[in-house]
Amino acid sequence: MGNPIGNVLQRGWEVLTRRIDSMLFGAALTIVCVGLVTLFSASDESVARVTSQALSFAFAIALMWLFANIPPQTLARGAVPLYIVAVALLVAVALFGVVVNGSRRWLNLGIARFQPSELMKVALPLMLAWYFQKFEGRIGWRDFAFAGLLIAVPVYLIKRQPDLGTALLIGASGFYVLYLAGLSWRVIAGLLLLAAAVGPVVWTHLHDYQRARILTFIDPSRDPLGAGYHSMQASIALGSGGIVGKGWLNGTQTHLDFLPERHTDFIFAVFGEEFGLIGNAVLLLLYLLLIGRAMVITANASTMFARLIAGAITLMFFTYAFVNMAMVSGLLPVVGVPLPLVSYGGTALISLFIGLGILMSVHAHRKLVTS
């Protein structure tokens, strides 16, 4: 008859894991563990901060499992309400948001603060993917123009917070859907020329600190104790790590308080200083494994909606990781972009794991093609 308890446990385990892609989850889990170890050092060995991140991680896994078990067609039906709610929350931030370090980006929920721009990372690609699938086979320029309006609304609201880095990256996630939906290279080239033409106008609307960051990127030595301080200290930390690093908890730039924002935007510099070039190479390999698996899932998607949303999430992971690492390394201007799955921040971690859950749903519910 076998062991009844063992059979129940086995059945329960199968239910919990049947929609979970082991390679995708394994890579993400390893990256998060790297992040928790690095966060402990970056936060001056703060158990409370690591515990908070770990609790967010547990909640994120639960949401990942939930979304992995929701069929893509069901996700499509929820795209419009989710987008409307996300825009409404961004408007609420503008009216009632909590101001931290001069930026109004959060809503106070009593027990925690919530950053609605993180919800938009999921809501916008879902909305655009739903819209383009609705007009599949007859997508015209009017559809791309309307999609551009859907992108412009949240980008404008997030830019006003001000959070230019997140606004640009959310705009990029929307652009990825447009590109995957068939936006021609001729139009893309025209948009790039238009962006270059309106550059001087955009420059006048940037905040002083944003203009300073761009000028400092061009010449890092122009203000080493002001706008250039973040970039220079990050470069020093990465360089001082050498090949093998200084060892966990032994980073001098980190623990002598030279490195700013070390538990969020510049946590990669902490990791690089303590684990060196070898550690950086391992972390890059983990990201490549995660993104590569996501690309395979995108390529095997069975519907236009599934392909668009999976492709946008995959490219979003790549963009966030690339922009953060390039920013910390001095290859891009400093923008407020966290390192995905590593930087401290519960809302960001949850939104990323929801994206992983959607990728797993696309893979688990793909149609089998018989040969």
Protein backbone atom coordinates (compact mmCIF):
# COMPACT_ATOMS: atom_id res chain seq x y z
CA MET A 1 0.00 0.00 0.00
CA GLY A 2 2.98 2.26 0.48
CA ASN A 3 3.34 5.13 2.88
CA PRO A 4 0.19 7.36 2.86
CA ILE A 5 1.96 10.31 4.46
CA GLY A 6 4.83 10.01 2.00
CA ASN A 7 2.39 9.86 -0.91
CA VAL A 8 0.60 12.99 0.30
CA LEU A 9 3.88 14.84 0.73
CA GLN A 10 5.05 13.75 -2.71
CA ARG A 11 1.77 14.85 -4.27
CA GLY A 12 1.98 18.19 -2.47
CA TRP A 13 5.55 18.70 -3.68
CA GLU A 14 4.49 17.95 -7.26
CA VAL A 15 1.69 20.50 -7.02
CA LEU A 16 4.08 23.14 -5.67
CA THR A 17 6.77 22.58 -8.30
CA ARG A 18 4.94 21.50 -11.46
CA ARG A 19 4.84 25.03 -12.95
CA ILE A 20 8.26 26.09 -11.63
CA ASP A 21 11.08 26.22 -14.17
CA SER A 22 14.05 24.80 -12.26
CA MET A 23 16.77 26.52 -14.30
CA LEU A 24 15.13 29.95 -14.15
CA PHE A 25 14.35 29.65 -10.44
CA GLY A 26 17.75 28.18 -9.61
CA ALA A 27 19.61 31.08 -11.24
CA ALA A 28 17.34 33.66 -9.56
CA LEU A 29 17.63 31.96 -6.16
CA THR A 30 21.43 31.91 -6.36
CA ILE A 31 21.54 35.61 -7.32
CA VAL A 32 19.25 36.51 -4.40
CA CYS A 33 21.48 34.55 -2.01
CA VAL A 34 24.49 36.47 -3.34
CA GLY A 35 22.50 39.65 -2.75
CA LEU A 36 21.67 38.77 0.88
CA VAL A 37 25.31 37.97 1.64
CA THR A 38 26.45 41.25 0.04
CA LEU A 39 23.66 43.23 1.72
CA PHE A 40 24.82 42.04 5.15
CA SER A 41 28.20 43.61 4.47
CA ALA A 42 26.85 46.69 2.68
CA SER A 43 24.46 47.49 5.55
CA ASP A 44 27.19 47.30 8.20
CA GLU A 45 26.07 43.82 9.25
CA SER A 46 22.47 44.89 9.85
CA VAL A 47 20.47 41.76 10.67
CA ALA A 48 17.23 43.77 10.57
CA ARG A 49 17.80 44.92 6.99
CA VAL A 50 18.76 41.45 5.78
CA THR A 51 15.75 39.96 7.56
CA SER A 52 13.47 42.52 5.91
CA GLN A 53 14.86 41.60 2.49
CA ALA A 54 14.51 37.89 3.26
CA LEU A 55 10.85 38.35 4.22
CA SER A 56 10.24 40.23 0.98
CA PHE A 57 11.95 37.36 -0.83
CA ALA A 58 9.61 34.82 0.78
CA PHE A 59 6.58 36.87 -0.26
CA ALA A 60 8.07 37.29 -3.75
CA ILE A 61 8.42 33.50 -4.14
CA ALA A 62 4.76 33.05 -3.19
CA LEU A 63 3.69 35.57 -5.82
CA MET A 64 6.00 33.97 -8.38
CA TRP A 65 4.31 30.60 -7.78
CA LEU A 66 0.88 32.23 -8.05
CA PHE A 67 1.64 33.91 -11.38
CA ALA A 68 3.34 30.77 -12.70
CA ASN A 69 0.04 28.95 -12.24
CA ILE A 70 -2.09 31.58 -13.97
CA PRO A 71 -2.49 30.84 -17.71
CA PRO A 72 -1.27 33.64 -20.04
CA GLN A 73 -4.80 34.14 -21.41
CA THR A 74 -6.00 34.88 -17.86
CA LEU A 75 -3.13 37.33 -17.37
CA ALA A 76 -4.18 39.02 -20.60
CA ARG A 77 -7.70 39.59 -19.27
CA GLY A 78 -6.25 41.35 -16.23
CA ALA A 79 -3.89 43.60 -18.21
CA VAL A 80 -6.22 46.60 -18.62
CA PRO A 81 -7.39 46.77 -14.97
CA LEU A 82 -3.81 46.35 -13.73
CA TYR A 83 -2.57 49.17 -15.98
CA ILE A 84 -5.38 51.49 -14.83
CA VAL A 85 -4.66 50.72 -11.17
CA ALA A 86 -0.93 51.31 -11.69
CA VAL A 87 -1.55 54.71 -13.34
CA ALA A 88 -4.01 55.65 -10.56
CA LEU A 89 -1.38 54.76 -7.94
CA LEU A 90 1.20 56.94 -9.73
CA VAL A 91 -1.29 59.82 -9.63
CA ALA A 92 -1.82 59.11 -5.92
CA VAL A 93 1.94 59.31 -5.40
CA ALA A 94 1.96 62.76 -7.03
CA LEU A 95 -0.84 63.90 -4.69
CA PHE A 96 -0.19 62.07 -1.42
CA GLY A 97 3.19 60.36 -1.76
CA VAL A 98 5.87 60.20 0.91
CA VAL A 99 8.91 62.43 0.26
CA VAL A 100 12.28 60.76 0.88
CA ASN A 101 15.56 62.51 -0.01
CA GLY A 102 13.68 65.09 -2.06
CA SER A 103 11.80 62.54 -4.17
CA ARG A 104 8.10 61.68 -3.94
CA ARG A 105 8.08 58.01 -5.03
CA TRP A 106 6.33 56.04 -2.29
CA LEU A 107 2.87 55.53 -0.82
CA ASN A 108 2.64 54.91 2.93
CA LEU A 109 0.54 51.78 3.54
CA GLY A 110 0.90 51.97 7.31
CA ILE A 111 2.90 48.77 7.78
CA ALA A 112 5.22 49.45 4.84
CA ARG A 113 5.98 51.83 1.99
CA PHE A 114 5.02 50.86 -1.55
CA GLN A 115 6.61 52.16 -4.76
CA PRO A 116 3.96 52.09 -7.57
CA SER A 117 6.56 52.55 -10.30
CA GLU A 118 7.66 48.96 -9.57
CA LEU A 119 4.12 47.74 -10.32
CA MET A 120 4.26 49.58 -13.64
CA LYS A 121 7.26 47.45 -14.64
CA VAL A 122 4.78 44.55 -14.95
CA ALA A 123 1.61 46.46 -15.83
CA LEU A 124 2.93 48.32 -18.88
CA PRO A 125 4.32 45.30 -20.82
CA LEU A 126 1.14 43.33 -20.00
CA MET A 127 -1.05 46.15 -21.28
CA LEU A 128 0.91 46.59 -24.50
CA ALA A 129 1.11 42.85 -25.15
CA TRP A 130 -2.69 42.56 -24.67
CA TYR A 131 -3.30 45.50 -26.99
CA PHE A 132 -1.14 44.20 -29.83
CA GLN A 133 -2.55 40.68 -29.59
CA LYS A 134 -6.03 42.17 -29.91
CA PHE A 135 -5.07 43.59 -33.31
CA GLU A 136 -2.78 40.75 -34.37
CA GLY A 137 -2.42 40.54 -38.15
CA ARG A 138 -3.64 44.09 -38.76
CA ILE A 139 -1.32 46.26 -36.68
CA GLY A 140 -0.89 49.71 -38.22
CA TRP A 141 0.81 52.98 -37.38
CA ARG A 142 -2.21 54.16 -35.37
CA ASP A 143 -1.76 51.18 -33.05
CA PHE A 144 1.89 52.04 -32.49
CA ALA A 145 0.94 55.69 -31.88
CA PHE A 146 -1.67 54.70 -29.29
CA ALA A 147 0.83 52.34 -27.67
CA GLY A 148 3.28 55.24 -27.51
CA LEU A 149 0.66 57.22 -25.57
CA LEU A 150 0.20 54.30 -23.15
CA ILE A 151 3.96 54.41 -22.54
CA ALA A 152 4.18 58.21 -22.27
CA VAL A 153 1.63 58.52 -19.43
CA PRO A 154 3.49 56.47 -16.78
CA VAL A 155 6.89 57.67 -17.99
CA TYR A 156 5.81 61.29 -17.47
CA LEU A 157 4.34 60.58 -14.03
CA ILE A 158 7.47 58.74 -12.87
CA LYS A 159 9.80 61.39 -14.30
CA ARG A 160 7.97 64.03 -12.21
CA GLN A 161 8.70 62.23 -8.93
CA PRO A 162 11.60 62.79 -9.96
CA ASP A 163 12.94 59.37 -10.94
CA LEU A 164 14.44 59.77 -14.40
CA GLY A 165 16.30 56.45 -14.33
CA THR A 166 13.19 54.34 -13.64
CA ALA A 167 11.16 56.44 -16.10
CA LEU A 168 13.64 55.76 -18.89
CA LEU A 169 13.84 52.05 -18.12
CA ILE A 170 10.06 51.63 -17.97
CA GLY A 171 9.91 53.49 -21.27
CA ALA A 172 12.47 51.03 -22.60
CA SER A 173 10.35 48.05 -21.46
CA GLY A 174 7.43 49.50 -23.40
CA PHE A 175 9.62 50.09 -26.44
CA TYR A 176 10.70 46.44 -26.36
CA VAL A 177 7.07 45.39 -26.80
CA LEU A 178 6.70 47.78 -29.73
CA TYR A 179 9.83 46.36 -31.35
CA LEU A 180 8.76 42.75 -30.81
CA ALA A 181 5.31 43.62 -32.21
CA GLY A 182 6.89 44.64 -35.52
CA LEU A 183 7.94 48.29 -35.27
CA SER A 184 10.14 48.83 -38.33
CA TRP A 185 13.77 49.88 -38.17
CA ARG A 186 12.92 52.88 -40.36
CA VAL A 187 10.55 54.18 -37.67
CA ILE A 188 13.09 53.41 -34.94
CA ALA A 189 15.75 55.40 -36.82
CA GLY A 190 13.30 58.28 -37.19
CA LEU A 191 12.53 58.23 -33.48
CA LEU A 192 16.25 58.31 -32.65
CA LEU A 193 16.72 61.32 -34.93
CA LEU A 194 13.73 63.01 -33.31
CA ALA A 195 15.15 62.31 -29.85
CA ALA A 196 18.45 63.86 -30.91
CA ALA A 197 16.64 66.90 -32.30
CA VAL A 198 14.65 67.56 -29.11
CA GLY A 199 17.68 66.87 -26.90
CA PRO A 200 18.34 70.58 -26.20
CA VAL A 201 14.70 71.04 -25.16
CA VAL A 202 14.84 68.02 -22.85
CA TRP A 203 18.08 69.34 -21.35
CA THR A 204 16.34 72.52 -20.17
CA HIS A 205 13.69 70.46 -18.35
CA LEU A 206 16.16 68.29 -16.44
CA HIS A 207 16.78 68.91 -12.75
CA ASP A 208 20.10 70.46 -11.81
CA TYR A 209 21.39 67.22 -10.28
CA GLN A 210 20.46 65.30 -13.45
CA ARG A 211 22.40 67.72 -15.66
CA ALA A 212 25.32 67.53 -13.22
CA ARG A 213 25.36 63.73 -13.49
CA ILE A 214 25.54 63.85 -17.28
CA LEU A 215 28.31 66.46 -17.28
CA THR A 216 30.20 64.46 -14.66
CA PHE A 217 29.89 61.32 -16.81
CA ILE A 218 31.60 63.22 -19.63
CA ASP A 219 34.30 64.54 -17.27
CA PRO A 220 34.37 62.61 -13.95
CA SER A 221 37.07 64.87 -12.51
CA ARG A 222 35.04 68.10 -12.84
CA ASP A 223 33.40 67.73 -9.41
CA PRO A 224 35.08 64.87 -7.47
CA LEU A 225 33.53 65.88 -4.14
CA GLY A 226 30.09 66.67 -5.52
CA ALA A 227 28.30 65.20 -8.54
CA GLY A 228 31.27 62.98 -9.40
CA TYR A 229 31.69 61.54 -5.91
CA HIS A 230 29.45 58.49 -6.40
CA SER A 231 31.06 57.44 -9.66
CA MET A 232 34.64 57.93 -8.48
CA GLN A 233 34.17 56.07 -5.20
CA ALA A 234 32.47 53.16 -7.04
CA SER A 235 35.38 52.97 -9.48
CA ILE A 236 37.87 52.98 -6.61
CA ALA A 237 35.96 50.19 -4.86
CA LEU A 238 35.82 48.00 -7.98
CA GLY A 239 39.48 48.59 -8.76
CA SER A 240 40.65 47.90 -5.22
CA GLY A 241 38.98 44.47 -5.30
CA GLY A 242 41.57 43.18 -7.75
CA ILE A 243 41.31 39.60 -9.00
CA VAL A 244 40.10 37.78 -5.89
CA GLY A 245 38.74 40.65 -3.79
CA LYS A 246 39.45 41.76 -0.23
CA GLY A 247 37.16 39.18 1.30
CA TRP A 248 33.65 39.27 2.72
CA LEU A 249 33.14 42.09 5.26
CA ASN A 250 36.61 43.45 4.49
CA GLY A 251 35.81 46.12 1.88
CA THR A 252 37.49 49.36 2.96
CA GLN A 253 35.48 51.69 0.72
CA THR A 254 32.31 50.13 2.14
CA HIS A 255 33.12 49.96 5.83
CA LEU A 256 34.92 53.31 6.01
CA ASP A 257 31.76 54.93 4.57
CA PHE A 258 33.35 56.24 1.38
CA LEU A 259 30.85 54.44 -0.87
CA PRO A 260 27.37 56.06 -0.96
CA GLU A 261 24.06 54.22 -1.54
CA ARG A 262 26.01 51.00 -1.02
CA HIS A 263 23.02 48.80 -0.13
CA THR A 264 20.91 49.90 -3.12
CA ASP A 265 22.20 51.41 -6.38
CA PHE A 266 25.91 50.80 -5.70
CA ILE A 267 25.79 47.35 -4.15
CA PHE A 268 27.67 45.98 -7.19
CA ALA A 269 30.68 48.06 -6.11
CA VAL A 270 30.51 46.43 -2.66
CA PHE A 271 30.39 42.99 -4.23
CA GLY A 272 33.24 43.79 -6.63
CA GLU A 273 35.48 45.11 -3.86
CA GLU A 274 34.96 42.09 -1.61
CA PHE A 275 34.87 39.29 -4.21
CA GLY A 276 36.99 40.78 -6.99
CA LEU A 277 37.00 40.08 -10.70
CA ILE A 278 36.33 36.37 -10.18
CA GLY A 279 33.21 37.12 -8.15
CA ASN A 280 32.01 39.60 -10.77
CA ALA A 281 32.50 36.98 -13.49
CA VAL A 282 30.45 34.43 -11.54
CA LEU A 283 27.65 36.96 -10.99
CA LEU A 284 27.65 37.85 -14.69
CA LEU A 285 27.45 34.15 -15.53
CA LEU A 286 24.40 33.75 -13.29
CA TYR A 287 22.66 36.68 -15.01
CA LEU A 288 23.52 35.24 -18.42
CA LEU A 289 22.09 31.88 -17.37
CA LEU A 290 18.85 33.50 -16.20
CA ILE A 291 18.51 35.72 -19.29
CA GLY A 292 19.47 32.90 -21.65
CA ARG A 293 16.80 30.61 -20.19
CA ALA A 294 14.26 33.43 -20.45
CA MET A 295 15.16 33.89 -24.13
CA VAL A 296 14.53 30.21 -24.78
CA ILE A 297 11.11 30.51 -23.11
CA THR A 298 10.35 33.57 -25.27
CA ALA A 299 11.34 31.76 -28.46
CA ASN A 300 9.02 28.83 -27.63
CA ALA A 301 6.00 31.00 -26.68
CA SER A 302 2.84 29.81 -28.41
CA THR A 303 0.87 33.07 -28.77
CA MET A 304 1.67 36.66 -29.67
CA PHE A 305 0.72 37.86 -26.19
CA ALA A 306 2.99 35.28 -24.53
CA ARG A 307 5.88 36.11 -26.87
CA LEU A 308 5.58 39.86 -26.34
CA ILE A 309 5.31 39.74 -22.56
CA ALA A 310 8.07 37.12 -22.18
CA GLY A 311 10.37 39.05 -24.51
CA ALA A 312 9.75 42.34 -22.69
CA ILE A 313 10.46 40.78 -19.27
CA THR A 314 13.64 39.13 -20.57
CA LEU A 315 14.97 42.35 -22.09
CA MET A 316 13.97 44.25 -18.94
CA PHE A 317 16.15 41.95 -16.80
CA PHE A 318 19.04 42.44 -19.22
CA THR A 319 18.62 46.22 -19.33
CA TYR A 320 18.42 46.66 -15.56
CA ALA A 321 21.49 44.50 -14.93
CA PHE A 322 23.49 46.12 -17.75
CA VAL A 323 22.58 49.71 -16.83
CA ASN A 324 23.38 49.22 -13.13
CA MET A 325 26.72 47.52 -13.76
CA ALA A 326 27.66 50.07 -16.44
CA MET A 327 26.66 52.93 -14.12
CA VAL A 328 28.76 51.60 -11.25
CA SER A 329 31.68 50.96 -13.61
CA GLY A 330 31.54 54.53 -14.98
CA LEU A 331 30.39 53.50 -18.47
CA LEU A 332 27.03 55.27 -18.09
CA PRO A 333 25.84 58.33 -16.12
CA VAL A 334 24.65 57.70 -12.57
CA VAL A 335 20.92 56.92 -12.54
CA GLY A 336 18.74 55.48 -9.81
CA VAL A 337 18.65 51.90 -11.07
CA PRO A 338 19.08 48.99 -8.62
CA LEU A 339 20.88 45.76 -9.46
CA PRO A 340 18.07 43.22 -10.06
CA LEU A 341 17.62 40.58 -7.33
CA VAL A 342 20.66 41.94 -5.45
CA SER A 343 19.96 45.52 -4.34
CA TYR A 344 17.95 46.17 -1.20
CA GLY A 345 14.27 46.91 -1.84
CA GLY A 346 11.24 44.72 -1.24
CA THR A 347 8.95 46.21 -3.90
CA ALA A 348 11.58 45.82 -6.62
CA LEU A 349 12.29 42.23 -5.59
CA ILE A 350 8.58 41.36 -5.67
CA SER A 351 8.02 42.90 -9.11
CA LEU A 352 10.99 41.00 -10.55
CA PHE A 353 9.78 37.68 -9.17
CA ILE A 354 6.31 38.35 -10.58
CA GLY A 355 8.07 38.73 -13.92
CA LEU A 356 9.78 35.38 -13.40
CA GLY A 357 6.40 33.84 -12.55
CA ILE A 358 4.95 35.15 -15.81
CA LEU A 359 7.87 33.64 -17.73
CA MET A 360 7.22 30.30 -16.02
CA SER A 361 3.53 30.55 -16.91
CA VAL A 362 4.40 31.16 -20.56
CA HIS A 363 6.64 28.08 -20.54
CA ALA A 364 4.28 25.81 -18.60
CA HIS A 365 1.21 26.66 -20.67
CA ARG A 366 2.84 26.58 -24.10
CA LYS A 367 1.09 24.44 -26.70
CA LEU A 368 2.82 21.20 -27.61
CA VAL A 369 3.62 21.01 -31.30
CA THR A 370 3.52 17.52 -32.75
CA SER A 371 5.83 16.65 -35.60
